[in-house]
Structure formats: C-alpha cells, structure tokens
C-alpha cells in the first residue's frame, strides 16, 4: 500500500503495478 493516488479511479489496482 504505497501512495494511493489511483484511489477512486482504479480501486482494484490501488497498489499501482506501474
């Protein structure tokens, strides 16, 4: 659980694989 900036956009991929 890093910086969840994708929260809301992709709650499923909030761990950010990029």
PDB file of N, CA and C in Angstrom:
ATOM      1  N   UNK A   1       0.845  -1.206   0.000  1.00  0.00           N
ATOM      2  CA  UNK A   1       0.000   0.000   0.000  1.00  0.00           C
ATOM      3  C   UNK A   1       0.877   1.252   0.000  1.00  0.00           C
ATOM      4  N   UNK A   2       1.201   1.735  -1.171  1.00  0.00           N
ATOM      5  CA  UNK A   2       2.069   2.912  -1.271  1.00  0.00           C
ATOM      6  C   UNK A   2       1.219   4.171  -1.312  1.00  0.00           C
ATOM      7  N   UNK A   3       1.528   5.047  -2.238  1.00  0.00           N
ATOM      8  CA  UNK A   3       0.741   6.260  -2.409  1.00  0.00           C
ATOM      9  C   UNK A   3      -0.467   5.966  -3.265  1.00  0.00           C
ATOM     10  N   UNK A   4      -1.612   5.889  -2.654  1.00  0.00           N
ATOM     11  CA  UNK A   4      -2.817   5.550  -3.408  1.00  0.00           C
ATOM     12  C   UNK A   4      -3.379   6.789  -4.088  1.00  0.00           C
ATOM     13  N   UNK A   5      -2.821   7.108  -5.243  1.00  0.00           N
ATOM     14  CA  UNK A   5      -3.313   8.253  -5.999  1.00  0.00           C
ATOM     15  C   UNK A   5      -4.380   7.815  -6.981  1.00  0.00           C
ATOM     16  N   UNK A   6      -4.405   6.493  -7.240  1.00  0.00           N
ATOM     17  CA  UNK A   6      -5.403   5.957  -8.158  1.00  0.00           C
ATOM     18  C   UNK A   6      -6.685   5.626  -7.418  1.00  0.00           C
ATOM     19  N   UNK A   7      -6.782   6.061  -6.165  1.00  0.00           N
ATOM     20  CA  UNK A   7      -7.963   5.744  -5.379  1.00  0.00           C
ATOM     21  C   UNK A   7      -9.179   6.419  -5.998  1.00  0.00           C
ATOM     22  N   UNK A   8     -10.187   5.630  -6.308  1.00  0.00           N
ATOM     23  CA  UNK A   8     -11.382   6.173  -6.953  1.00  0.00           C
ATOM     24  C   UNK A   8     -11.380   5.822  -8.427  1.00  0.00           C
ATOM     25  N   UNK A   9     -10.223   6.026  -9.055  1.00  0.00           N
ATOM     26  CA  UNK A   9     -10.106   5.693 -10.474  1.00  0.00           C
ATOM     27  C   UNK A   9     -10.055   4.184 -10.644  1.00  0.00           C
ATOM     28  N   UNK A  10      -9.088   3.576  -9.985  1.00  0.00           N
ATOM     29  CA  UNK A  10      -8.978   2.118 -10.042  1.00  0.00           C
ATOM     30  C   UNK A  10      -8.752   1.607  -8.636  1.00  0.00           C
ATOM     31  N   UNK A  11      -9.819   1.460  -7.898  1.00  0.00           N
ATOM     32  CA  UNK A  11      -9.715   0.993  -6.518  1.00  0.00           C
ATOM     33  C   UNK A  11      -9.190  -0.437  -6.477  1.00  0.00           C
ATOM     34  N   UNK A  12      -9.395  -1.145  -7.576  1.00  0.00           N
ATOM     35  CA  UNK A  12      -8.941  -2.533  -7.638  1.00  0.00           C
ATOM     36  C   UNK A  12      -7.429  -2.582  -7.818  1.00  0.00           C
ATOM     37  N   UNK A  13      -6.898  -1.612  -8.532  1.00  0.00           N
ATOM     38  CA  UNK A  13      -5.455  -1.592  -8.784  1.00  0.00           C
ATOM     39  C   UNK A  13      -4.841  -0.432  -8.021  1.00  0.00           C
ATOM     40  N   UNK A  14      -5.149  -0.351  -6.752  1.00  0.00           N
ATOM     41  CA  UNK A  14      -4.655   0.759  -5.946  1.00  0.00           C
ATOM     42  C   UNK A  14      -3.201   0.554  -5.557  1.00  0.00           C
ATOM     43  N   UNK A  15      -2.691  -0.675  -5.739  1.00  0.00           N
ATOM     44  CA  UNK A  15      -1.292  -0.923  -5.391  1.00  0.00           C
ATOM     45  C   UNK A  15      -0.366  -0.392  -6.489  1.00  0.00           C
ATOM     46  N   UNK A  16      -0.933   0.024  -7.602  1.00  0.00           N
ATOM     47  CA  UNK A  16      -0.180   0.605  -8.706  1.00  0.00           C
ATOM     48  C   UNK A  16       0.928  -0.305  -9.208  1.00  0.00           C
ATOM     49  N   UNK A  17       0.630  -1.170 -10.170  1.00  0.00           N
ATOM     50  CA  UNK A  17       1.606  -2.105 -10.731  1.00  0.00           C
ATOM     51  C   UNK A  17       2.644  -1.411 -11.608  1.00  0.00           C
ATOM     52  N   UNK A  18       2.411  -0.136 -11.896  1.00  0.00           N
ATOM     53  CA  UNK A  18       3.332   0.587 -12.763  1.00  0.00           C
ATOM     54  C   UNK A  18       4.548   1.027 -11.986  1.00  0.00           C
TER      55      UNK A  18
END
